[in-house]
Each structure stands twice: as structure tokens, then as C-alpha cells.
Amino acid sequence: MRAPLVVLCILALQARAQETAAPPVLEAPTGEVQPPPGARPGQADWTLHRHLGGFFRMTLGGGYLSTTPSPSGAASFSSGAATLSVAAGGAVAEDWILAADTWVYAAPASKLGKDWTFGVSALGLNITHYFMPANVFIAFVPAVTLVTVSDRNDETVRETQAGFGARFSLGKEWWVGDHWGIGLAVEGFFASNHEQASAQPVWTTIGGSVVFSATYN
């Protein structure tokens, strides 16, 4: 009788030990996005407030531009200007963004003609880097540029050849949603464009502005 009793006691102790044993620790699969420091337990989306995946940004603001022909002879002028830009792309690594970017500056050009508007439009590659956790960013956009002068009916009066330019930005954004941020930035640009006729001057345009931004990332 003693042997069966001993066996039953051993089986009971083993069952008790299995019930109280700690569950195994499961390691996160390699290659997946790891949670950032401070992530909430059970948080499903670890990309919250991080610069990963698709990217979209729009900016709107106002500033100043100045254009000068070279060689001199044609009219040059300086004026307040409005600016708009739209960029779409994605993160190539966390906090590093590549995006197609189109932007425009427009200013009244009464010195060139009554009710005329001087415009610089561009299409380029936006290279943005975020400094986290401050959510401060810098951006550089080399671009193909075009200068146009239009009349009050929005008909083109003068237009240059495609040229080269760039835009530089420094800004900060604040999260207002899981993936949306709004911000404020200062930016500057330059553009160099030849007139259509080879004997005509080269227009060199520089400017800067303060812009508001809305970004999805």
C-alpha cells in the first residue's frame, strides 16, 4: 500500500509545480518594428509618434523674394510673397524621409507691368531628417525651377527656361494625433533661370518665408 501512496504524492507535487511555474518569455520576432521607450503595455500600433512609413506634408505661409537679371538692363524688383508646397513620399529609415516636393512662390510685380504677378514654381526631391524626441526637422529640396510672369487674367506674359534651384527648411512640429503633426518652420530658397531667348538675361531669384506645416507620417 505504501508504494502506490508514494507515487500519488509525487504526481500531485509535479502537477502543483506546473501550475505555479512562470509562463515562458516570448521574444519579439526579429525584423519587426520594436516598441519605442515608454510604449504603453498592450499598445497595438508601435509606429505612433514615430517617423516611419508613408509621408505627406503641406506648408502655407508668407515671406519675401527678390529677383535680379544678369547682365543688368532688365527690371529687378523685391516684394512680399506667398508660398505653398506639397510633398508626398515615405521613410527610407526611421526619421529619414524622401519625398517628391512641388512648391511655388508668388509676388505682385507692378514694376514689371500693371497688375502683373511674378512666380517661381519648382519640382524636386525633399530630403528631411527629424531630430527626436524634440520633433525638430531640417529639409533640403534640390529642384527644377521655372519663372513666369502673368497678367491680371492669369495669362503668361513672360516665361523662362527650366533652371535649377533649392529650398532649405528648419522647423518644429507638435503631435496632434497618432500620426498627424502641425508645425512652424522658416525656409529660404534660390532659383536661377535663363530667359527663352539666349541673348536675354538670367534671372536669379532668392527669398525666404515663415510657413505653417501639416504632416502625416
N, C-alpha and C. Protein backbone atom coordinates (compact mmCIF):
# COMPACT_ATOMS: atom_id res chain seq x y z
N MET A 1 0.82 -1.21 0.00
CA MET A 1 0.00 0.00 0.00
C MET A 1 0.86 1.26 0.00
N ARG A 2 2.08 1.13 0.58
CA ARG A 2 2.89 2.34 0.71
C ARG A 2 3.39 2.83 -0.67
N ALA A 3 3.75 1.89 -1.57
CA ALA A 3 4.29 2.30 -2.88
C ALA A 3 3.29 3.10 -3.70
N PRO A 4 2.03 2.63 -3.84
CA PRO A 4 1.06 3.45 -4.60
C PRO A 4 0.86 4.82 -3.98
N LEU A 5 0.89 4.92 -2.66
CA LEU A 5 0.69 6.22 -1.99
C LEU A 5 1.82 7.17 -2.32
N VAL A 6 3.05 6.63 -2.34
CA VAL A 6 4.21 7.48 -2.68
C VAL A 6 4.10 7.99 -4.11
N VAL A 7 3.68 7.10 -5.03
CA VAL A 7 3.53 7.52 -6.43
C VAL A 7 2.50 8.62 -6.56
N LEU A 8 1.38 8.50 -5.88
CA LEU A 8 0.33 9.53 -5.93
C LEU A 8 0.84 10.86 -5.40
N CYS A 9 1.63 10.82 -4.33
CA CYS A 9 2.18 12.06 -3.77
C CYS A 9 3.12 12.74 -4.77
N ILE A 10 3.96 11.94 -5.45
CA ILE A 10 4.89 12.52 -6.44
C ILE A 10 4.13 13.16 -7.59
N LEU A 11 3.09 12.48 -8.10
CA LEU A 11 2.28 13.04 -9.19
C LEU A 11 1.60 14.33 -8.77
N ALA A 12 1.10 14.37 -7.55
CA ALA A 12 0.43 15.58 -7.05
C ALA A 12 1.40 16.75 -6.97
N LEU A 13 2.64 16.50 -6.49
CA LEU A 13 3.65 17.56 -6.40
C LEU A 13 4.05 18.08 -7.78
N GLN A 14 4.16 17.19 -8.77
CA GLN A 14 4.50 17.61 -10.12
C GLN A 14 3.41 18.49 -10.73
N ALA A 15 2.16 18.10 -10.53
CA ALA A 15 1.05 18.90 -11.04
C ALA A 15 1.02 20.27 -10.40
N ARG A 16 1.31 20.32 -9.08
CA ARG A 16 1.34 21.60 -8.37
C ARG A 16 2.46 22.51 -8.90
N ALA A 17 3.59 21.90 -9.18
CA ALA A 17 4.73 22.68 -9.70
C ALA A 17 4.45 23.26 -11.08
N GLN A 18 3.74 22.51 -11.92
CA GLN A 18 3.41 23.00 -13.26
C GLN A 18 2.43 24.16 -13.22
N GLU A 19 1.50 24.14 -12.25
CA GLU A 19 0.52 25.22 -12.14
C GLU A 19 1.16 26.53 -11.71
N THR A 20 2.20 26.42 -10.83
CA THR A 20 2.81 27.63 -10.29
C THR A 20 4.01 28.10 -11.10
N ALA A 21 4.43 27.34 -12.11
CA ALA A 21 5.61 27.74 -12.91
C ALA A 21 5.32 29.00 -13.71
N ALA A 22 6.31 29.91 -13.83
CA ALA A 22 6.15 31.16 -14.58
C ALA A 22 5.99 30.86 -16.06
N PRO A 23 5.14 31.61 -16.75
CA PRO A 23 4.97 31.39 -18.19
C PRO A 23 6.25 31.72 -18.93
N PRO A 24 6.52 31.06 -20.03
CA PRO A 24 7.74 31.32 -20.78
C PRO A 24 7.73 32.73 -21.36
N VAL A 25 8.91 33.34 -21.43
CA VAL A 25 9.07 34.67 -22.01
C VAL A 25 9.23 34.53 -23.51
N LEU A 26 8.35 35.22 -24.26
CA LEU A 26 8.39 35.15 -25.71
C LEU A 26 9.14 36.35 -26.24
N GLU A 27 10.15 36.13 -27.03
CA GLU A 27 10.91 37.21 -27.62
C GLU A 27 10.23 37.70 -28.89
N ALA A 28 10.33 39.01 -29.10
CA ALA A 28 9.73 39.58 -30.32
C ALA A 28 10.47 39.06 -31.53
N PRO A 29 9.73 38.69 -32.58
CA PRO A 29 10.40 38.19 -33.79
C PRO A 29 11.34 39.24 -34.35
N THR A 30 12.49 38.78 -34.83
CA THR A 30 13.45 39.72 -35.40
C THR A 30 12.90 40.28 -36.69
N GLY A 31 13.29 41.54 -36.99
CA GLY A 31 12.87 42.17 -38.23
C GLY A 31 11.59 42.99 -38.09
N GLU A 32 10.91 42.91 -36.94
CA GLU A 32 9.70 43.69 -36.75
C GLU A 32 10.04 45.01 -36.07
N VAL A 33 9.14 46.00 -36.23
CA VAL A 33 9.35 47.28 -35.59
C VAL A 33 9.24 47.11 -34.08
N GLN A 34 10.26 47.51 -33.35
CA GLN A 34 10.29 47.35 -31.91
C GLN A 34 9.61 48.55 -31.24
N PRO A 35 9.00 48.37 -30.06
CA PRO A 35 8.31 49.46 -29.40
C PRO A 35 9.28 50.51 -28.91
N PRO A 36 8.90 51.79 -28.98
CA PRO A 36 9.79 52.85 -28.50
C PRO A 36 9.81 52.87 -26.99
N PRO A 37 10.80 53.50 -26.36
CA PRO A 37 10.79 53.63 -24.91
C PRO A 37 9.53 54.34 -24.43
N GLY A 38 8.91 53.84 -23.39
CA GLY A 38 7.69 54.44 -22.86
C GLY A 38 6.42 53.98 -23.52
N ALA A 39 6.49 52.99 -24.42
CA ALA A 39 5.27 52.48 -25.07
C ALA A 39 4.35 51.86 -24.03
N ARG A 40 3.07 52.07 -24.18
CA ARG A 40 2.10 51.55 -23.23
C ARG A 40 1.97 50.04 -23.39
N PRO A 41 1.81 49.28 -22.28
CA PRO A 41 1.62 47.83 -22.39
C PRO A 41 0.39 47.52 -23.23
N GLY A 42 0.54 46.59 -24.14
CA GLY A 42 -0.58 46.21 -24.99
C GLY A 42 -0.84 47.16 -26.14
N GLN A 43 0.00 48.18 -26.31
CA GLN A 43 -0.19 49.15 -27.39
C GLN A 43 -0.05 48.45 -28.73
N ALA A 44 -1.09 48.55 -29.56
CA ALA A 44 -1.11 47.79 -30.82
C ALA A 44 -0.23 48.42 -31.89
N ASP A 45 -0.23 49.74 -31.97
CA ASP A 45 0.50 50.43 -33.05
C ASP A 45 1.76 51.06 -32.48
N TRP A 46 2.89 50.43 -32.73
CA TRP A 46 4.16 50.95 -32.22
C TRP A 46 4.72 52.05 -33.08
N THR A 47 4.07 52.40 -34.17
CA THR A 47 4.54 53.49 -35.01
C THR A 47 3.97 54.84 -34.59
N LEU A 48 3.18 54.88 -33.52
CA LEU A 48 2.62 56.14 -33.05
C LEU A 48 3.75 57.11 -32.70
N HIS A 49 3.60 58.36 -33.20
CA HIS A 49 4.55 59.43 -32.89
C HIS A 49 5.98 59.04 -33.27
N ARG A 50 6.10 58.31 -34.38
CA ARG A 50 7.40 57.97 -34.94
C ARG A 50 7.36 58.26 -36.43
N HIS A 51 8.51 58.54 -37.00
CA HIS A 51 8.57 58.88 -38.43
C HIS A 51 8.96 57.65 -39.23
N LEU A 52 7.93 56.85 -39.54
CA LEU A 52 8.06 55.61 -40.29
C LEU A 52 6.94 55.55 -41.33
N GLY A 53 7.15 54.80 -42.40
CA GLY A 53 6.09 54.57 -43.38
C GLY A 53 5.83 55.77 -44.27
N GLY A 54 4.57 55.87 -44.73
CA GLY A 54 4.19 56.92 -45.67
C GLY A 54 4.32 58.31 -45.08
N PHE A 55 4.52 59.29 -45.96
CA PHE A 55 4.77 60.67 -45.53
C PHE A 55 4.00 61.63 -46.43
N PHE A 56 3.35 62.62 -45.81
CA PHE A 56 2.67 63.68 -46.56
C PHE A 56 2.82 64.97 -45.77
N ARG A 57 3.21 66.05 -46.46
CA ARG A 57 3.32 67.35 -45.77
C ARG A 57 2.84 68.45 -46.70
N MET A 58 2.12 69.41 -46.12
CA MET A 58 1.71 70.61 -46.85
C MET A 58 2.11 71.82 -46.02
N THR A 59 2.65 72.85 -46.68
CA THR A 59 3.01 74.08 -45.98
C THR A 59 2.36 75.27 -46.67
N LEU A 60 2.11 76.30 -45.88
CA LEU A 60 1.49 77.52 -46.39
C LEU A 60 2.03 78.68 -45.56
N GLY A 61 2.46 79.75 -46.23
CA GLY A 61 3.00 80.86 -45.47
C GLY A 61 3.25 82.08 -46.32
N GLY A 62 4.00 83.00 -45.76
CA GLY A 62 4.31 84.24 -46.45
C GLY A 62 5.71 84.69 -46.13
N GLY A 63 6.28 85.49 -47.04
CA GLY A 63 7.64 85.95 -46.83
C GLY A 63 8.02 87.03 -47.82
N TYR A 64 9.17 86.84 -48.46
CA TYR A 64 9.78 87.90 -49.25
C TYR A 64 10.59 87.26 -50.37
N LEU A 65 10.64 87.90 -51.53
CA LEU A 65 11.53 87.45 -52.60
C LEU A 65 12.13 88.65 -53.33
N SER A 66 13.27 88.40 -53.94
CA SER A 66 13.95 89.42 -54.72
C SER A 66 14.52 88.75 -55.96
N THR A 67 14.37 89.38 -57.12
CA THR A 67 14.89 88.81 -58.36
C THR A 67 15.74 89.85 -59.08
N THR A 68 16.83 89.39 -59.64
CA THR A 68 17.79 90.28 -60.30
C THR A 68 18.23 89.68 -61.63
N PRO A 69 18.12 90.43 -62.73
CA PRO A 69 18.59 89.92 -64.01
C PRO A 69 20.10 90.14 -64.16
N SER A 70 20.75 89.25 -64.89
CA SER A 70 22.18 89.39 -65.16
C SER A 70 22.44 88.94 -66.61
N PRO A 71 23.05 89.77 -67.46
CA PRO A 71 23.54 91.10 -67.12
C PRO A 71 22.40 92.08 -66.88
N SER A 72 22.74 93.19 -66.23
CA SER A 72 21.71 94.17 -65.87
C SER A 72 21.14 94.82 -67.12
N GLY A 73 20.03 95.47 -66.94
CA GLY A 73 19.34 96.11 -68.06
C GLY A 73 17.86 95.89 -67.96
N ALA A 74 17.45 94.67 -67.58
CA ALA A 74 16.04 94.41 -67.34
C ALA A 74 15.70 94.84 -65.92
N ALA A 75 14.41 95.00 -65.67
CA ALA A 75 13.96 95.48 -64.37
C ALA A 75 14.12 94.38 -63.33
N SER A 76 14.59 94.78 -62.14
CA SER A 76 14.65 93.88 -60.99
C SER A 76 13.70 94.43 -59.93
N PHE A 77 13.27 93.58 -59.04
CA PHE A 77 12.37 94.07 -58.00
C PHE A 77 12.39 93.14 -56.79
N SER A 78 11.86 93.65 -55.69
CA SER A 78 11.70 92.88 -54.46
C SER A 78 10.28 93.10 -53.96
N SER A 79 9.72 92.08 -53.32
CA SER A 79 8.33 92.19 -52.90
C SER A 79 8.00 91.13 -51.86
N GLY A 80 6.94 91.38 -51.11
CA GLY A 80 6.38 90.35 -50.26
C GLY A 80 5.82 89.23 -51.12
N ALA A 81 5.79 88.01 -50.60
CA ALA A 81 5.37 86.87 -51.41
C ALA A 81 4.60 85.87 -50.56
N ALA A 82 3.75 85.09 -51.23
CA ALA A 82 3.05 83.97 -50.61
C ALA A 82 3.66 82.68 -51.12
N THR A 83 3.63 81.63 -50.31
CA THR A 83 4.24 80.37 -50.72
C THR A 83 3.37 79.19 -50.31
N LEU A 84 3.43 78.14 -51.12
CA LEU A 84 2.68 76.91 -50.88
C LEU A 84 3.55 75.75 -51.34
N SER A 85 3.53 74.65 -50.58
CA SER A 85 4.26 73.45 -51.00
C SER A 85 3.49 72.21 -50.60
N VAL A 86 3.67 71.13 -51.38
CA VAL A 86 3.06 69.83 -51.10
C VAL A 86 4.12 68.77 -51.37
N ALA A 87 4.31 67.85 -50.41
CA ALA A 87 5.29 66.77 -50.55
C ALA A 87 4.65 65.45 -50.19
N ALA A 88 5.01 64.39 -50.91
CA ALA A 88 4.49 63.05 -50.64
C ALA A 88 5.60 62.04 -50.91
N GLY A 89 5.76 61.11 -49.97
CA GLY A 89 6.80 60.09 -50.12
C GLY A 89 6.76 59.12 -48.96
N GLY A 90 7.92 58.80 -48.40
CA GLY A 90 7.96 57.84 -47.31
C GLY A 90 9.31 57.83 -46.63
N ALA A 91 9.37 57.12 -45.50
CA ALA A 91 10.60 56.99 -44.73
C ALA A 91 11.47 55.88 -45.31
N VAL A 92 12.73 56.18 -45.56
CA VAL A 92 13.68 55.16 -46.00
C VAL A 92 14.39 54.53 -44.81
N ALA A 93 14.32 55.19 -43.66
CA ALA A 93 14.79 54.70 -42.37
C ALA A 93 14.09 55.57 -41.34
N GLU A 94 14.07 55.12 -40.09
CA GLU A 94 13.37 55.92 -39.09
C GLU A 94 13.97 57.32 -39.01
N ASP A 95 13.10 58.34 -39.12
CA ASP A 95 13.43 59.77 -39.05
C ASP A 95 14.09 60.30 -40.31
N TRP A 96 14.22 59.49 -41.37
CA TRP A 96 14.76 59.95 -42.65
C TRP A 96 13.69 59.81 -43.72
N ILE A 97 13.37 60.93 -44.39
CA ILE A 97 12.26 60.98 -45.35
C ILE A 97 12.78 61.36 -46.73
N LEU A 98 12.28 60.68 -47.76
CA LEU A 98 12.46 61.08 -49.15
C LEU A 98 11.07 61.27 -49.76
N ALA A 99 10.86 62.40 -50.44
CA ALA A 99 9.52 62.68 -50.98
C ALA A 99 9.62 63.56 -52.20
N ALA A 100 8.68 63.39 -53.12
CA ALA A 100 8.53 64.33 -54.23
C ALA A 100 7.91 65.60 -53.66
N ASP A 101 8.43 66.75 -54.08
CA ASP A 101 8.02 68.02 -53.47
C ASP A 101 7.80 69.05 -54.58
N THR A 102 6.61 69.65 -54.60
CA THR A 102 6.36 70.76 -55.51
C THR A 102 6.06 72.00 -54.69
N TRP A 103 6.64 73.12 -55.07
CA TRP A 103 6.45 74.35 -54.31
C TRP A 103 6.42 75.57 -55.23
N VAL A 104 5.82 76.63 -54.73
CA VAL A 104 5.65 77.84 -55.53
C VAL A 104 5.74 79.06 -54.62
N TYR A 105 6.35 80.12 -55.15
CA TYR A 105 6.35 81.46 -54.54
C TYR A 105 5.70 82.40 -55.55
N ALA A 106 4.85 83.28 -55.08
CA ALA A 106 4.19 84.25 -55.97
C ALA A 106 4.19 85.62 -55.31
N ALA A 107 4.45 86.66 -56.13
CA ALA A 107 4.54 88.03 -55.62
C ALA A 107 4.00 89.01 -56.64
N PRO A 108 3.40 90.11 -56.20
CA PRO A 108 2.97 91.14 -57.15
C PRO A 108 4.18 91.78 -57.80
N ALA A 109 4.08 92.02 -59.12
CA ALA A 109 5.22 92.55 -59.88
C ALA A 109 4.82 93.80 -60.65
N SER A 110 4.35 94.80 -59.93
CA SER A 110 3.88 96.03 -60.58
C SER A 110 5.02 96.77 -61.29
N LYS A 111 6.26 96.53 -60.86
CA LYS A 111 7.38 97.19 -61.51
C LYS A 111 7.61 96.63 -62.92
N LEU A 112 7.18 95.39 -63.14
CA LEU A 112 7.32 94.79 -64.47
C LEU A 112 6.11 95.09 -65.35
N GLY A 113 4.96 95.30 -64.75
CA GLY A 113 3.74 95.58 -65.51
C GLY A 113 2.57 95.74 -64.56
N LYS A 114 1.59 96.53 -64.94
CA LYS A 114 0.46 96.79 -64.06
C LYS A 114 -0.32 95.50 -63.77
N ASP A 115 -0.53 95.23 -62.48
CA ASP A 115 -1.29 94.06 -62.02
C ASP A 115 -0.67 92.74 -62.48
N TRP A 116 0.65 92.74 -62.71
CA TRP A 116 1.33 91.51 -63.07
C TRP A 116 1.74 90.74 -61.82
N THR A 117 1.95 89.44 -61.98
CA THR A 117 2.38 88.58 -60.87
C THR A 117 3.63 87.82 -61.28
N PHE A 118 4.61 87.84 -60.42
CA PHE A 118 5.86 87.11 -60.63
C PHE A 118 5.81 85.82 -59.84
N GLY A 119 6.10 84.69 -60.49
CA GLY A 119 6.02 83.41 -59.80
C GLY A 119 7.23 82.53 -60.04
N VAL A 120 7.62 81.79 -59.00
CA VAL A 120 8.66 80.77 -59.11
C VAL A 120 8.03 79.45 -58.71
N SER A 121 8.01 78.49 -59.61
CA SER A 121 7.47 77.17 -59.30
C SER A 121 8.59 76.14 -59.43
N ALA A 122 8.47 75.04 -58.70
CA ALA A 122 9.56 74.07 -58.67
C ALA A 122 9.03 72.67 -58.41
N LEU A 123 9.79 71.69 -58.87
CA LEU A 123 9.54 70.28 -58.59
C LEU A 123 10.86 69.64 -58.24
N GLY A 124 10.92 69.02 -57.05
CA GLY A 124 12.20 68.47 -56.63
C GLY A 124 12.06 67.30 -55.67
N LEU A 125 13.19 66.93 -55.09
CA LEU A 125 13.27 65.81 -54.16
C LEU A 125 13.48 66.35 -52.75
N ASN A 126 12.52 66.08 -51.88
CA ASN A 126 12.58 66.54 -50.49
C ASN A 126 13.35 65.52 -49.66
N ILE A 127 14.42 65.97 -49.01
CA ILE A 127 15.19 65.14 -48.09
C ILE A 127 15.04 65.74 -46.70
N THR A 128 14.34 65.03 -45.83
CA THR A 128 14.03 65.54 -44.49
C THR A 128 14.60 64.62 -43.43
N HIS A 129 15.15 65.23 -42.39
CA HIS A 129 15.59 64.45 -41.22
C HIS A 129 14.98 65.04 -39.96
N TYR A 130 14.42 64.16 -39.11
CA TYR A 130 13.85 64.57 -37.83
C TYR A 130 14.83 64.27 -36.70
N PHE A 131 14.93 65.21 -35.75
CA PHE A 131 15.70 65.01 -34.55
C PHE A 131 14.71 64.72 -33.42
N MET A 132 14.69 63.47 -33.00
CA MET A 132 13.73 63.04 -31.99
C MET A 132 14.42 62.90 -30.64
N PRO A 133 13.67 63.09 -29.52
CA PRO A 133 12.21 63.26 -29.44
C PRO A 133 11.73 64.71 -29.57
N ALA A 134 12.63 65.65 -29.90
CA ALA A 134 12.22 67.05 -29.99
C ALA A 134 11.27 67.29 -31.15
N ASN A 135 11.27 66.40 -32.16
CA ASN A 135 10.44 66.54 -33.36
C ASN A 135 10.80 67.81 -34.14
N VAL A 136 12.08 68.13 -34.13
CA VAL A 136 12.63 69.22 -34.92
C VAL A 136 13.15 68.62 -36.23
N PHE A 137 12.94 69.31 -37.35
CA PHE A 137 13.37 68.76 -38.62
C PHE A 137 14.14 69.78 -39.44
N ILE A 138 14.99 69.25 -40.32
CA ILE A 138 15.63 70.05 -41.36
C ILE A 138 15.27 69.41 -42.69
N ALA A 139 15.16 70.22 -43.73
CA ALA A 139 14.80 69.70 -45.04
C ALA A 139 15.59 70.44 -46.11
N PHE A 140 15.99 69.70 -47.13
CA PHE A 140 16.70 70.25 -48.29
C PHE A 140 16.01 69.71 -49.54
N VAL A 141 15.66 70.63 -50.46
CA VAL A 141 14.91 70.23 -51.66
C VAL A 141 15.60 70.78 -52.90
N PRO A 142 16.52 70.05 -53.52
CA PRO A 142 17.03 70.45 -54.84
C PRO A 142 15.91 70.28 -55.86
N ALA A 143 15.82 71.22 -56.81
CA ALA A 143 14.64 71.20 -57.68
C ALA A 143 14.91 71.81 -59.04
N VAL A 144 14.07 71.44 -59.98
CA VAL A 144 13.99 72.11 -61.28
C VAL A 144 13.00 73.27 -61.11
N THR A 145 13.41 74.48 -61.53
CA THR A 145 12.59 75.66 -61.30
C THR A 145 12.16 76.32 -62.61
N LEU A 146 11.08 77.09 -62.52
CA LEU A 146 10.56 77.83 -63.68
C LEU A 146 10.03 79.16 -63.18
N VAL A 147 10.38 80.23 -63.87
CA VAL A 147 9.91 81.58 -63.52
C VAL A 147 8.91 82.04 -64.57
N THR A 148 7.79 82.54 -64.12
CA THR A 148 6.76 83.06 -65.03
C THR A 148 6.27 84.42 -64.54
N VAL A 149 5.86 85.22 -65.48
CA VAL A 149 5.19 86.50 -65.19
C VAL A 149 3.83 86.45 -65.87
N SER A 150 2.77 86.64 -65.10
CA SER A 150 1.42 86.57 -65.65
C SER A 150 0.67 87.88 -65.40
N ASP A 151 -0.33 88.15 -66.25
CA ASP A 151 -1.10 89.38 -66.11
C ASP A 151 -2.32 89.17 -65.20
N ARG A 152 -3.15 90.17 -65.13
CA ARG A 152 -4.30 90.12 -64.22
C ARG A 152 -5.30 89.04 -64.62
N ASN A 153 -5.26 88.57 -65.87
CA ASN A 153 -6.14 87.50 -66.33
C ASN A 153 -5.49 86.13 -66.23
N ASP A 154 -4.35 86.07 -65.54
CA ASP A 154 -3.60 84.83 -65.32
C ASP A 154 -3.05 84.25 -66.62
N GLU A 155 -2.83 85.11 -67.61
CA GLU A 155 -2.21 84.68 -68.85
C GLU A 155 -0.71 84.96 -68.78
N THR A 156 0.11 84.04 -69.27
CA THR A 156 1.55 84.16 -69.17
C THR A 156 2.07 85.25 -70.11
N VAL A 157 2.79 86.20 -69.53
CA VAL A 157 3.40 87.29 -70.30
C VAL A 157 4.84 86.97 -70.64
N ARG A 158 5.57 86.41 -69.66
CA ARG A 158 6.96 86.02 -69.86
C ARG A 158 7.18 84.69 -69.15
N GLU A 159 8.10 83.91 -69.71
CA GLU A 159 8.41 82.62 -69.09
C GLU A 159 9.86 82.27 -69.39
N THR A 160 10.56 81.78 -68.42
CA THR A 160 11.96 81.41 -68.59
C THR A 160 12.09 79.94 -69.01
N GLN A 161 13.31 79.54 -69.28
CA GLN A 161 13.61 78.13 -69.45
C GLN A 161 13.66 77.47 -68.06
N ALA A 162 13.56 76.15 -68.06
CA ALA A 162 13.71 75.42 -66.79
C ALA A 162 15.13 75.65 -66.28
N GLY A 163 15.23 75.88 -64.98
CA GLY A 163 16.52 76.13 -64.37
C GLY A 163 16.72 75.27 -63.13
N PHE A 164 17.65 75.69 -62.30
CA PHE A 164 17.95 74.94 -61.09
C PHE A 164 17.76 75.82 -59.88
N GLY A 165 17.29 75.19 -58.78
CA GLY A 165 17.13 75.91 -57.53
C GLY A 165 17.07 74.94 -56.37
N ALA A 166 16.85 75.48 -55.20
CA ALA A 166 16.76 74.64 -54.00
C ALA A 166 16.02 75.40 -52.91
N ARG A 167 15.46 74.64 -51.98
CA ARG A 167 14.77 75.21 -50.83
C ARG A 167 15.33 74.55 -49.57
N PHE A 168 15.50 75.35 -48.52
CA PHE A 168 16.01 74.87 -47.25
C PHE A 168 15.00 75.20 -46.16
N SER A 169 14.78 74.26 -45.22
CA SER A 169 13.80 74.49 -44.16
C SER A 169 14.34 74.02 -42.82
N LEU A 170 13.95 74.73 -41.77
CA LEU A 170 14.22 74.33 -40.39
C LEU A 170 12.93 74.56 -39.61
N GLY A 171 12.42 73.51 -38.97
CA GLY A 171 11.14 73.67 -38.28
C GLY A 171 10.95 72.72 -37.12
N LYS A 172 9.82 72.89 -36.47
CA LYS A 172 9.44 72.02 -35.36
C LYS A 172 7.96 71.70 -35.49
N GLU A 173 7.62 70.46 -35.16
CA GLU A 173 6.22 70.03 -35.21
C GLU A 173 5.77 69.49 -33.86
N TRP A 174 4.46 69.57 -33.64
CA TRP A 174 3.83 69.05 -32.43
C TRP A 174 2.77 68.03 -32.84
N TRP A 175 2.76 66.87 -32.18
CA TRP A 175 1.78 65.84 -32.49
C TRP A 175 0.40 66.29 -32.05
N VAL A 176 -0.57 66.16 -32.95
CA VAL A 176 -1.97 66.47 -32.63
C VAL A 176 -2.85 65.25 -32.83
N GLY A 177 -2.25 64.12 -33.18
CA GLY A 177 -2.95 62.86 -33.38
C GLY A 177 -1.94 61.74 -33.38
N ASP A 178 -2.40 60.52 -33.62
CA ASP A 178 -1.50 59.37 -33.62
C ASP A 178 -0.40 59.52 -34.67
N HIS A 179 -0.75 60.07 -35.84
CA HIS A 179 0.22 60.20 -36.93
C HIS A 179 0.25 61.60 -37.54
N TRP A 180 -0.54 62.52 -37.04
CA TRP A 180 -0.61 63.88 -37.58
C TRP A 180 0.15 64.85 -36.68
N GLY A 181 0.88 65.76 -37.32
CA GLY A 181 1.56 66.81 -36.60
C GLY A 181 1.39 68.14 -37.32
N ILE A 182 1.37 69.23 -36.55
CA ILE A 182 1.37 70.56 -37.13
C ILE A 182 2.61 71.28 -36.64
N GLY A 183 3.09 72.22 -37.44
CA GLY A 183 4.34 72.85 -37.06
C GLY A 183 4.54 74.23 -37.65
N LEU A 184 5.72 74.75 -37.37
CA LEU A 184 6.12 76.07 -37.83
C LEU A 184 7.57 75.95 -38.30
N ALA A 185 7.87 76.59 -39.43
CA ALA A 185 9.22 76.48 -40.00
C ALA A 185 9.63 77.79 -40.65
N VAL A 186 10.92 77.98 -40.73
CA VAL A 186 11.49 79.07 -41.53
C VAL A 186 12.19 78.43 -42.71
N GLU A 187 12.14 79.07 -43.85
CA GLU A 187 12.75 78.50 -45.04
C GLU A 187 13.32 79.58 -45.94
N GLY A 188 14.26 79.17 -46.77
CA GLY A 188 14.83 80.04 -47.77
C GLY A 188 14.96 79.30 -49.09
N PHE A 189 15.06 80.02 -50.20
CA PHE A 189 15.20 79.36 -51.50
C PHE A 189 16.01 80.24 -52.44
N PHE A 190 16.49 79.60 -53.51
CA PHE A 190 17.09 80.35 -54.61
C PHE A 190 16.73 79.63 -55.91
N ALA A 191 16.73 80.39 -57.00
CA ALA A 191 16.46 79.82 -58.33
C ALA A 191 17.23 80.61 -59.37
N SER A 192 17.76 79.92 -60.36
CA SER A 192 18.49 80.56 -61.45
C SER A 192 17.90 80.07 -62.77
N ASN A 193 17.41 81.02 -63.58
CA ASN A 193 16.69 80.66 -64.81
C ASN A 193 17.06 81.57 -65.96
N HIS A 194 17.36 80.97 -67.13
CA HIS A 194 17.62 81.71 -68.35
C HIS A 194 16.30 82.10 -69.01
N GLU A 195 16.30 83.30 -69.63
CA GLU A 195 15.16 83.68 -70.46
C GLU A 195 15.09 82.76 -71.68
N GLN A 196 13.95 82.75 -72.36
CA GLN A 196 13.78 81.88 -73.52
C GLN A 196 14.77 82.22 -74.63
N ALA A 197 14.99 83.47 -74.88
CA ALA A 197 15.95 83.89 -75.91
C ALA A 197 17.35 83.92 -75.29
N SER A 198 18.32 83.38 -76.00
CA SER A 198 19.67 83.25 -75.43
C SER A 198 20.31 84.60 -75.11
N ALA A 199 19.91 85.66 -75.82
CA ALA A 199 20.51 86.97 -75.60
C ALA A 199 19.91 87.69 -74.39
N GLN A 200 18.85 87.14 -73.85
CA GLN A 200 18.17 87.77 -72.72
C GLN A 200 18.87 87.39 -71.41
N PRO A 201 18.54 88.12 -70.33
CA PRO A 201 19.27 87.90 -69.07
C PRO A 201 18.91 86.60 -68.36
N VAL A 202 19.75 86.27 -67.37
CA VAL A 202 19.49 85.16 -66.46
C VAL A 202 18.88 85.74 -65.19
N TRP A 203 17.73 85.21 -64.81
CA TRP A 203 17.06 85.69 -63.60
C TRP A 203 17.53 84.89 -62.39
N THR A 204 18.08 85.59 -61.40
CA THR A 204 18.47 84.97 -60.14
C THR A 204 17.50 85.44 -59.06
N THR A 205 16.80 84.51 -58.47
CA THR A 205 15.75 84.85 -57.50
C THR A 205 16.07 84.19 -56.16
N ILE A 206 15.98 84.97 -55.11
CA ILE A 206 16.18 84.45 -53.76
C ILE A 206 15.00 84.90 -52.89
N GLY A 207 14.77 84.20 -51.81
CA GLY A 207 13.67 84.58 -50.94
C GLY A 207 13.62 83.73 -49.68
N GLY A 208 12.71 84.06 -48.82
CA GLY A 208 12.52 83.31 -47.58
C GLY A 208 11.12 83.53 -47.05
N SER A 209 10.73 82.72 -46.11
CA SER A 209 9.37 82.83 -45.57
C SER A 209 9.26 82.10 -44.23
N VAL A 210 8.15 82.35 -43.57
CA VAL A 210 7.74 81.61 -42.38
C VAL A 210 6.48 80.85 -42.78
N VAL A 211 6.45 79.55 -42.54
CA VAL A 211 5.33 78.73 -43.01
C VAL A 211 4.76 77.88 -41.87
N PHE A 212 3.50 77.57 -41.99
CA PHE A 212 2.84 76.59 -41.14
C PHE A 212 2.82 75.26 -41.88
N SER A 213 2.99 74.17 -41.15
CA SER A 213 3.02 72.85 -41.80
C SER A 213 2.02 71.91 -41.16
N ALA A 214 1.52 71.01 -41.98
CA ALA A 214 0.67 69.90 -41.52
C ALA A 214 1.25 68.63 -42.12
N THR A 215 1.59 67.66 -41.26
CA THR A 215 2.31 66.47 -41.70
C THR A 215 1.64 65.20 -41.22
N TYR A 216 1.54 64.23 -42.12
CA TYR A 216 1.09 62.88 -41.75
C TYR A 216 2.26 61.93 -41.94
N ASN A 217 2.55 61.12 -40.91
CA ASN A 217 3.66 60.20 -41.00
C ASN A 217 3.41 59.01 -40.06
